Protein backbone atom coordinates (compact mmCIF):
# COMPACT_ATOMS: atom_id res chain seq x y z
CA MET A 1 -15.73 -4.31 14.29
CA SER A 2 -15.24 -0.61 15.52
CA SER A 3 -16.57 2.75 14.24
CA THR A 4 -13.77 4.91 15.47
CA VAL A 5 -11.32 4.68 12.78
CA PRO A 6 -7.31 6.19 13.82
CA THR A 7 -5.90 8.58 11.63
CA PHE A 8 -3.01 7.21 9.77
CA PRO A 9 -0.41 9.05 12.43
CA GLU A 10 -2.43 7.56 15.04
CA LEU A 11 -2.46 3.99 13.75
CA LEU A 12 1.25 3.94 12.34
CA GLY A 13 2.01 5.73 15.70
CA SER A 14 0.49 2.47 17.61
CA ALA A 15 2.79 0.36 16.03
CA THR A 16 5.88 -1.28 17.86
CA GLU A 17 6.80 -4.20 15.35
CA SER A 18 4.89 -4.17 11.98
CA ALA A 19 2.74 -2.11 9.70
CA VAL A 20 1.68 -4.27 6.76
CA HIS A 21 -0.32 -3.10 3.69
CA LEU A 22 -1.85 -5.06 0.85
CA GLU A 23 -3.07 -3.20 -1.93
CA MET A 24 -5.55 -5.57 -4.38
CA ARG A 25 -6.59 -2.94 -7.06
CA ASP A 26 -5.53 -2.06 -10.49
CA SER A 27 -7.17 1.72 -9.79
CA TYR A 28 -8.02 3.91 -7.05
CA ALA A 29 -9.84 7.10 -7.82
CA VAL A 30 -8.01 9.34 -9.93
CA ASP A 31 -9.05 12.68 -11.92
CA TYR A 32 -7.63 12.14 -15.35
CA GLU A 33 -8.22 15.93 -15.57
CA THR A 34 -5.97 17.52 -12.78
CA GLY A 35 -4.02 16.46 -10.23
CA LEU A 36 -1.00 14.35 -9.81
CA PHE A 37 -2.20 11.28 -11.97
CA ALA A 38 -3.12 13.77 -14.85
CA GLU A 39 0.46 15.59 -14.36
CA TRP A 40 2.01 11.90 -14.54
CA ARG A 41 0.18 11.10 -17.93
CA ALA A 42 1.19 14.43 -19.19
CA GLY A 43 4.85 13.19 -18.74
CA PHE A 44 5.80 14.63 -15.56
CA ARG A 45 8.10 12.12 -13.43
CA HIS A 46 9.61 12.84 -9.72
CA ASP A 47 13.23 13.33 -10.30
CA PRO A 48 14.98 11.11 -7.52
CA ALA A 49 17.76 13.86 -6.97
CA ASP A 50 15.19 16.33 -6.26
CA ARG A 51 13.77 15.36 -2.74
CA ALA A 52 12.67 18.11 -1.59
CA SER A 53 10.25 18.32 -4.64
CA TRP A 54 8.46 14.82 -3.81
CA TRP A 55 8.95 14.36 -0.23
CA ARG A 56 5.75 14.66 1.45
CA PRO A 57 3.75 14.18 4.93
CA TRP A 58 2.94 10.44 4.09
CA LEU A 59 6.63 10.12 3.88
CA ASP A 60 7.64 11.81 6.83
CA LEU A 61 5.48 9.42 8.84
CA ILE A 62 6.69 6.30 7.23
CA GLN A 63 10.24 7.41 8.08
CA GLU A 64 9.64 8.17 11.51
CA THR A 65 7.84 4.84 11.65
CA VAL A 66 10.46 2.90 10.72
CA GLY A 67 12.80 4.90 12.83
CA ARG A 68 11.34 3.63 15.62
CA GLY A 69 12.04 -0.06 14.63
CA VAL A 70 8.51 -0.86 12.93
CA ALA A 71 9.17 -3.01 9.72
CA VAL A 72 6.95 -1.07 7.01
CA ARG A 73 5.74 -3.32 4.36
CA ARG A 74 3.34 -2.82 1.28
CA ALA A 75 2.68 -5.56 -1.06
CA ARG A 76 0.68 -4.76 -4.35
CA ILE A 77 -1.30 -7.72 -6.23
CA VAL A 78 -1.47 -6.39 -9.60
CA SER A 79 -2.84 -7.68 -13.12
CA GLU A 80 -0.73 -7.64 -15.80
CA PRO A 81 -0.47 -6.05 -18.33
CA VAL A 82 -0.74 -3.42 -15.12
CA SER A 83 -3.22 -0.73 -15.66
CA GLU A 84 -2.13 3.05 -16.82
CA TYR A 85 -2.47 3.84 -12.61
CA ILE A 86 -0.47 1.00 -11.99
CA ARG A 87 2.43 2.24 -14.11
CA TYR A 88 1.58 5.60 -12.13
CA GLU A 89 1.93 3.75 -8.72
CA HIS A 90 4.93 1.87 -9.83
CA SER A 91 6.78 5.06 -11.29
CA GLY A 92 6.82 7.00 -8.04
CA THR A 93 7.39 3.99 -5.83
CA PHE A 94 10.62 4.81 -5.11
CA THR A 95 9.52 7.59 -2.62
CA ASN A 96 8.17 5.26 -0.52
CA VAL A 97 11.47 3.11 -0.46
CA ALA A 98 13.54 6.31 0.15
CA ALA A 99 11.26 6.52 3.28
CA GLY A 100 12.51 3.20 4.63
CA GLU A 101 8.98 1.13 3.04
CA GLN A 102 9.80 -2.08 1.76
CA VAL A 103 7.44 -2.69 -1.41
CA ARG A 104 7.11 -5.89 -3.25
CA TRP A 105 4.59 -6.51 -6.44
CA LEU A 106 2.90 -9.57 -7.25
CA PRO A 107 1.35 -10.80 -10.49
CA ARG A 108 -2.33 -11.38 -10.26
CA ARG A 109 -1.89 -14.87 -12.04
CA GLN A 110 0.64 -15.84 -9.13
CA ALA A 111 -2.30 -15.16 -6.49
CA SER A 112 -5.10 -17.25 -7.48
CA ASP A 113 -4.31 -20.01 -5.05
CA LEU A 114 -4.29 -17.78 -2.27
CA ALA A 115 -6.45 -16.90 0.42
CA LEU A 116 -7.04 -13.34 0.30
CA PRO A 117 -9.42 -10.95 2.37
CA GLY A 118 -11.98 -9.03 0.60
CA ASN A 119 -10.34 -5.70 1.11
CA ASP A 120 -7.38 -3.83 1.33
CA PHE A 121 -5.73 -3.75 4.55
CA TRP A 122 -3.02 -2.36 7.12
CA LEU A 123 -2.51 -4.69 9.61
CA ILE A 124 -0.46 -3.01 12.82
CA ASP A 125 1.89 -5.28 14.69
CA GLY A 126 -0.71 -8.73 13.64
CA GLN A 127 -3.69 -7.50 15.64
CA LEU A 128 -5.15 -4.55 14.63
CA ILE A 129 -6.87 -4.35 11.24
CA ARG A 130 -7.46 -1.32 9.28
CA TRP A 131 -9.68 -1.93 6.58
CA ASN A 132 -9.87 0.20 3.47
CA HIS A 133 -12.88 -0.03 1.61
CA PHE A 134 -13.61 1.73 -1.61
CA THR A 135 -16.69 2.52 -4.39
CA GLY A 136 -16.84 0.36 -7.62
CA ASP A 137 -15.01 3.57 -8.92
CA GLY A 138 -12.13 3.60 -6.57
CA ALA A 139 -13.26 6.01 -4.32
CA SER A 140 -12.45 6.05 -0.60
CA ALA A 141 -15.61 4.23 1.35
CA GLY A 142 -13.78 4.64 4.38
CA GLY A 143 -12.13 2.47 6.49
CA GLU A 144 -13.11 0.59 9.16
CA ILE A 145 -11.10 -1.49 12.47
CA SER A 146 -10.71 -4.69 13.63
CA THR A 147 -9.38 -6.51 16.46
CA ASP A 148 -10.90 -10.02 15.70
CA PRO A 149 -8.30 -12.83 16.57
CA ALA A 150 -9.35 -14.95 13.32
CA THR A 151 -9.38 -12.22 11.00
CA ALA A 152 -6.30 -10.88 11.61
CA LYS A 153 -4.35 -14.64 11.42
CA LEU A 154 -6.27 -14.42 7.87
CA CYS A 155 -4.81 -11.16 7.12
CA SER A 156 -1.17 -12.05 8.28
CA GLU A 157 -1.25 -15.08 6.69
CA ALA A 158 -2.33 -13.60 3.42
CA PHE A 159 -0.14 -10.65 3.58
CA GLU A 160 3.03 -13.27 4.19
CA ALA A 161 1.92 -15.44 1.48
CA VAL A 162 2.11 -12.52 -0.83
CA TRP A 163 5.21 -11.52 0.33
CA GLN A 164 6.76 -14.60 0.10
CA ARG A 165 5.78 -14.84 -3.60
CA GLY A 166 6.20 -10.97 -4.57
CA THR A 167 9.22 -9.22 -6.33
CA PRO A 168 11.01 -6.46 -4.49
CA HIS A 169 10.11 -2.76 -6.33
CA ASP A 170 13.75 -2.48 -7.41
CA GLN A 171 13.40 -5.68 -9.38
CA TYR A 172 9.88 -5.27 -10.44
CA GLU A 173 9.41 -5.01 -14.11
CA ILE A 174 6.10 -3.15 -15.68
CA HIS A 175 4.48 -5.70 -18.10
């Protein structure tokens, strides 16, 4: 493990073939009183036709990465019925797809027999892992980098197993 964690532009900028992200939490730290999640709870929804209103630097980074020929895929394991936070994520995922990211959803019950790492991660080119650590309340507890080949293999196999079973975003119905 390394204590030097690259920024996401550095991380995705280093990718030459693939960048995959596995998310396994039903919620991440959100402010229920203010911010994007609170606005969503109050009824705000992005208008797909008004791209300027929802396009942001993260989507520029994804589009640039995909534009270089890197396959960017995200898989989300979710409990059903889904949490309010997952409803929020699902509502805005069309923006990730518009930037070129492929996204799939897998109900947690369908993941019971899969060997999964203990934390969310990004895996770059099947070799570099960026672990995403979270507190019990879902706040970021920082990232960590690993290049251990056996761990990278575990992450790659776990991601591919989830990906195979997952439902593409445009076909996944919220339950």
